[in-house]
Amino acid sequence: MILERTFYGLQCDGCGKDLEIDEYGDTFCDNEQDTKDIAKDCGWIEVRGKHYCEDCHRYGDNDELILGDGTVITEDEEDWQ
């Protein structure tokens, strides 16, 4: 029997890295929310609908978010998530 299923994964919008869900290198979940939750637990962030791995963002001295491309987002910007 052939089955059709939909899976969800994430790819970093900064560097193109795939989110690895588990220690076996699997990169897909059964639903979008679980994928986002795992990404957050792994240090990924979502900014304005884009996803960035732990290597493509950092926080500056004043808690501003700095993306890998140099974009700076301050706490005052309410739309960053």
N, C-alpha and C. Protein backbone atom coordinates (compact mmCIF):
# COMPACT_ATOMS: atom_id res chain seq x y z
N MET A 1 0.84 -1.18 0.00
CA MET A 1 0.00 0.00 0.00
C MET A 1 0.89 1.25 0.00
N ILE A 2 0.56 2.18 -0.81
CA ILE A 2 1.28 3.46 -0.86
C ILE A 2 0.53 4.46 0.01
N LEU A 3 1.27 5.11 0.89
CA LEU A 3 0.70 6.11 1.77
C LEU A 3 1.32 7.47 1.46
N GLU A 4 0.52 8.48 1.54
CA GLU A 4 1.03 9.85 1.37
C GLU A 4 0.98 10.52 2.73
N ARG A 5 2.12 11.10 3.16
CA ARG A 5 2.19 11.80 4.44
C ARG A 5 2.87 13.14 4.24
N THR A 6 2.54 14.08 5.10
CA THR A 6 3.18 15.38 5.09
C THR A 6 4.07 15.48 6.31
N PHE A 7 5.30 15.95 6.12
CA PHE A 7 6.24 16.14 7.20
C PHE A 7 6.71 17.59 7.20
N TYR A 8 7.18 18.04 8.36
CA TYR A 8 7.61 19.42 8.51
C TYR A 8 9.05 19.46 9.03
N GLY A 9 9.83 20.33 8.45
CA GLY A 9 11.21 20.54 8.88
C GLY A 9 11.53 22.02 8.78
N LEU A 10 12.69 22.39 9.28
CA LEU A 10 13.13 23.78 9.22
C LEU A 10 14.52 23.86 8.62
N GLN A 11 14.73 24.91 7.86
CA GLN A 11 16.03 25.23 7.31
C GLN A 11 16.33 26.67 7.69
N CYS A 12 17.52 26.91 8.19
CA CYS A 12 17.91 28.24 8.63
C CYS A 12 17.88 29.22 7.47
N ASP A 13 17.22 30.35 7.68
CA ASP A 13 17.18 31.39 6.65
C ASP A 13 18.49 32.15 6.56
N GLY A 14 19.39 31.93 7.52
CA GLY A 14 20.68 32.59 7.47
C GLY A 14 21.72 31.80 6.70
N CYS A 15 21.88 30.51 7.06
CA CYS A 15 22.96 29.72 6.47
C CYS A 15 22.49 28.48 5.70
N GLY A 16 21.20 28.15 5.80
CA GLY A 16 20.68 27.00 5.08
C GLY A 16 20.80 25.68 5.82
N LYS A 17 21.29 25.70 7.04
CA LYS A 17 21.43 24.48 7.84
C LYS A 17 20.05 23.89 8.15
N ASP A 18 19.93 22.56 8.09
CA ASP A 18 18.70 21.89 8.46
C ASP A 18 18.66 21.66 9.97
N LEU A 19 17.48 21.81 10.55
CA LEU A 19 17.28 21.49 11.96
C LEU A 19 17.34 19.97 12.11
N GLU A 20 18.19 19.49 13.02
CA GLU A 20 18.25 18.07 13.32
C GLU A 20 17.38 17.81 14.55
N ILE A 21 16.34 16.99 14.35
CA ILE A 21 15.35 16.73 15.39
C ILE A 21 15.90 15.82 16.49
N ASP A 22 16.70 14.83 16.13
CA ASP A 22 17.22 13.89 17.12
C ASP A 22 18.65 13.49 16.82
N GLU A 23 19.20 12.65 17.66
CA GLU A 23 20.60 12.26 17.53
C GLU A 23 20.89 11.43 16.29
N TYR A 24 19.86 10.98 15.58
CA TYR A 24 20.05 10.20 14.35
C TYR A 24 20.05 11.08 13.10
N GLY A 25 19.90 12.37 13.29
CA GLY A 25 19.95 13.28 12.15
C GLY A 25 18.62 13.48 11.44
N ASP A 26 17.54 12.94 12.02
CA ASP A 26 16.23 13.16 11.40
C ASP A 26 15.91 14.65 11.41
N THR A 27 15.28 15.11 10.35
CA THR A 27 15.02 16.54 10.22
C THR A 27 13.55 16.88 10.06
N PHE A 28 12.66 15.92 10.28
CA PHE A 28 11.24 16.19 10.05
C PHE A 28 10.37 15.72 11.22
N CYS A 29 9.26 16.44 11.42
CA CYS A 29 8.23 16.09 12.41
C CYS A 29 6.91 15.91 11.69
N ASP A 30 5.93 15.40 12.42
CA ASP A 30 4.61 15.19 11.84
C ASP A 30 3.78 16.46 11.74
N ASN A 31 4.15 17.51 12.50
CA ASN A 31 3.36 18.75 12.43
C ASN A 31 4.27 19.97 12.62
N GLU A 32 3.77 21.08 12.18
CA GLU A 32 4.54 22.33 12.17
C GLU A 32 4.88 22.81 13.58
N GLN A 33 3.93 22.73 14.50
CA GLN A 33 4.17 23.25 15.85
C GLN A 33 5.26 22.48 16.58
N ASP A 34 5.26 21.13 16.46
CA ASP A 34 6.33 20.35 17.09
C ASP A 34 7.69 20.73 16.52
N THR A 35 7.75 20.98 15.23
CA THR A 35 9.01 21.38 14.60
C THR A 35 9.49 22.70 15.18
N LYS A 36 8.59 23.67 15.32
CA LYS A 36 8.96 24.97 15.88
C LYS A 36 9.38 24.84 17.34
N ASP A 37 8.68 24.00 18.11
CA ASP A 37 9.01 23.81 19.52
C ASP A 37 10.40 23.19 19.68
N ILE A 38 10.71 22.19 18.86
CA ILE A 38 12.03 21.56 18.92
C ILE A 38 13.11 22.56 18.52
N ALA A 39 12.84 23.35 17.50
CA ALA A 39 13.81 24.36 17.07
C ALA A 39 14.12 25.33 18.20
N LYS A 40 13.08 25.78 18.89
CA LYS A 40 13.27 26.71 20.00
C LYS A 40 14.11 26.05 21.10
N ASP A 41 13.83 24.78 21.40
CA ASP A 41 14.60 24.05 22.41
C ASP A 41 16.05 23.88 22.01
N CYS A 42 16.32 23.90 20.71
CA CYS A 42 17.69 23.74 20.19
C CYS A 42 18.40 25.07 20.02
N GLY A 43 17.78 26.17 20.45
CA GLY A 43 18.44 27.47 20.36
C GLY A 43 18.13 28.27 19.11
N TRP A 44 17.21 27.77 18.27
CA TRP A 44 16.81 28.50 17.09
C TRP A 44 15.82 29.59 17.48
N ILE A 45 15.72 30.63 16.67
CA ILE A 45 14.74 31.70 16.91
C ILE A 45 13.94 31.94 15.63
N GLU A 46 12.76 32.51 15.82
CA GLU A 46 11.94 32.93 14.68
C GLU A 46 11.82 34.45 14.74
N VAL A 47 12.15 35.10 13.64
CA VAL A 47 12.07 36.55 13.54
C VAL A 47 11.32 36.91 12.28
N ARG A 48 10.16 37.54 12.46
CA ARG A 48 9.36 37.99 11.32
C ARG A 48 9.11 36.87 10.31
N GLY A 49 8.81 35.66 10.83
CA GLY A 49 8.48 34.53 9.98
C GLY A 49 9.68 33.78 9.41
N LYS A 50 10.88 34.22 9.74
CA LYS A 50 12.09 33.52 9.29
C LYS A 50 12.73 32.84 10.49
N HIS A 51 13.47 31.76 10.23
CA HIS A 51 14.07 30.97 11.30
C HIS A 51 15.59 31.00 11.20
N TYR A 52 16.23 31.15 12.36
CA TYR A 52 17.68 31.26 12.41
C TYR A 52 18.25 30.28 13.43
N CYS A 53 19.27 29.51 13.00
CA CYS A 53 19.91 28.55 13.89
C CYS A 53 20.76 29.27 14.93
N GLU A 54 21.28 28.49 15.86
CA GLU A 54 22.08 29.06 16.94
C GLU A 54 23.37 29.72 16.45
N ASP A 55 23.82 29.38 15.24
CA ASP A 55 25.02 29.99 14.69
C ASP A 55 24.76 31.30 13.97
N CYS A 56 23.50 31.61 13.70
CA CYS A 56 23.16 32.78 12.88
C CYS A 56 22.47 33.89 13.66
N HIS A 57 22.60 33.87 14.97
CA HIS A 57 22.11 34.99 15.77
C HIS A 57 22.87 35.03 17.10
N ARG A 58 22.90 36.21 17.67
CA ARG A 58 23.50 36.39 18.99
C ARG A 58 22.85 37.62 19.62
N TYR A 59 23.12 37.81 20.89
CA TYR A 59 22.60 38.98 21.59
C TYR A 59 23.76 39.90 21.95
N GLY A 60 23.55 41.20 21.73
CA GLY A 60 24.58 42.19 22.00
C GLY A 60 24.62 42.59 23.46
N ASP A 61 25.47 43.55 23.77
CA ASP A 61 25.66 44.00 25.15
C ASP A 61 24.41 44.61 25.76
N ASN A 62 23.53 45.16 24.94
CA ASN A 62 22.30 45.79 25.43
C ASN A 62 21.07 44.91 25.16
N ASP A 63 21.30 43.59 25.05
CA ASP A 63 20.24 42.60 24.81
C ASP A 63 19.57 42.75 23.45
N GLU A 64 20.18 43.51 22.54
CA GLU A 64 19.64 43.58 21.19
C GLU A 64 19.96 42.29 20.46
N LEU A 65 19.08 41.88 19.58
CA LEU A 65 19.28 40.67 18.79
C LEU A 65 20.07 41.04 17.54
N ILE A 66 21.13 40.30 17.27
CA ILE A 66 21.97 40.56 16.10
C ILE A 66 21.95 39.31 15.24
N LEU A 67 21.42 39.45 14.02
CA LEU A 67 21.37 38.33 13.10
C LEU A 67 22.70 38.18 12.38
N GLY A 68 22.92 37.04 11.78
CA GLY A 68 24.17 36.75 11.10
C GLY A 68 24.53 37.72 10.01
N ASP A 69 23.52 38.36 9.39
CA ASP A 69 23.80 39.32 8.32
C ASP A 69 24.07 40.72 8.85
N GLY A 70 24.10 40.86 10.19
CA GLY A 70 24.38 42.15 10.80
C GLY A 70 23.14 42.95 11.17
N THR A 71 21.95 42.49 10.81
CA THR A 71 20.72 43.17 11.18
C THR A 71 20.59 43.19 12.69
N VAL A 72 20.30 44.37 13.24
CA VAL A 72 20.13 44.54 14.68
C VAL A 72 18.66 44.81 14.98
N ILE A 73 18.13 44.06 15.94
CA ILE A 73 16.74 44.23 16.33
C ILE A 73 16.72 44.49 17.82
N THR A 74 16.15 45.63 18.23
CA THR A 74 16.12 45.99 19.63
C THR A 74 14.86 45.47 20.30
N GLU A 75 14.88 45.47 21.63
CA GLU A 75 13.70 45.02 22.40
C GLU A 75 12.48 45.87 22.10
N ASP A 76 12.69 47.13 21.69
CA ASP A 76 11.58 48.04 21.44
C ASP A 76 10.76 47.66 20.20
N GLU A 77 11.33 46.85 19.34
CA GLU A 77 10.63 46.44 18.12
C GLU A 77 9.70 45.28 18.45
N GLU A 78 8.42 45.57 18.60
CA GLU A 78 7.44 44.57 19.03
C GLU A 78 7.17 43.50 17.98
N ASP A 79 7.49 43.77 16.73
CA ASP A 79 7.11 42.84 15.66
C ASP A 79 8.19 41.81 15.35
N TRP A 80 9.22 41.69 16.16
CA TRP A 80 10.31 40.80 15.78
C TRP A 80 9.97 39.33 15.92
N GLN A 81 8.92 38.98 16.66
CA GLN A 81 8.52 37.58 16.73
C GLN A 81 7.15 37.39 16.17
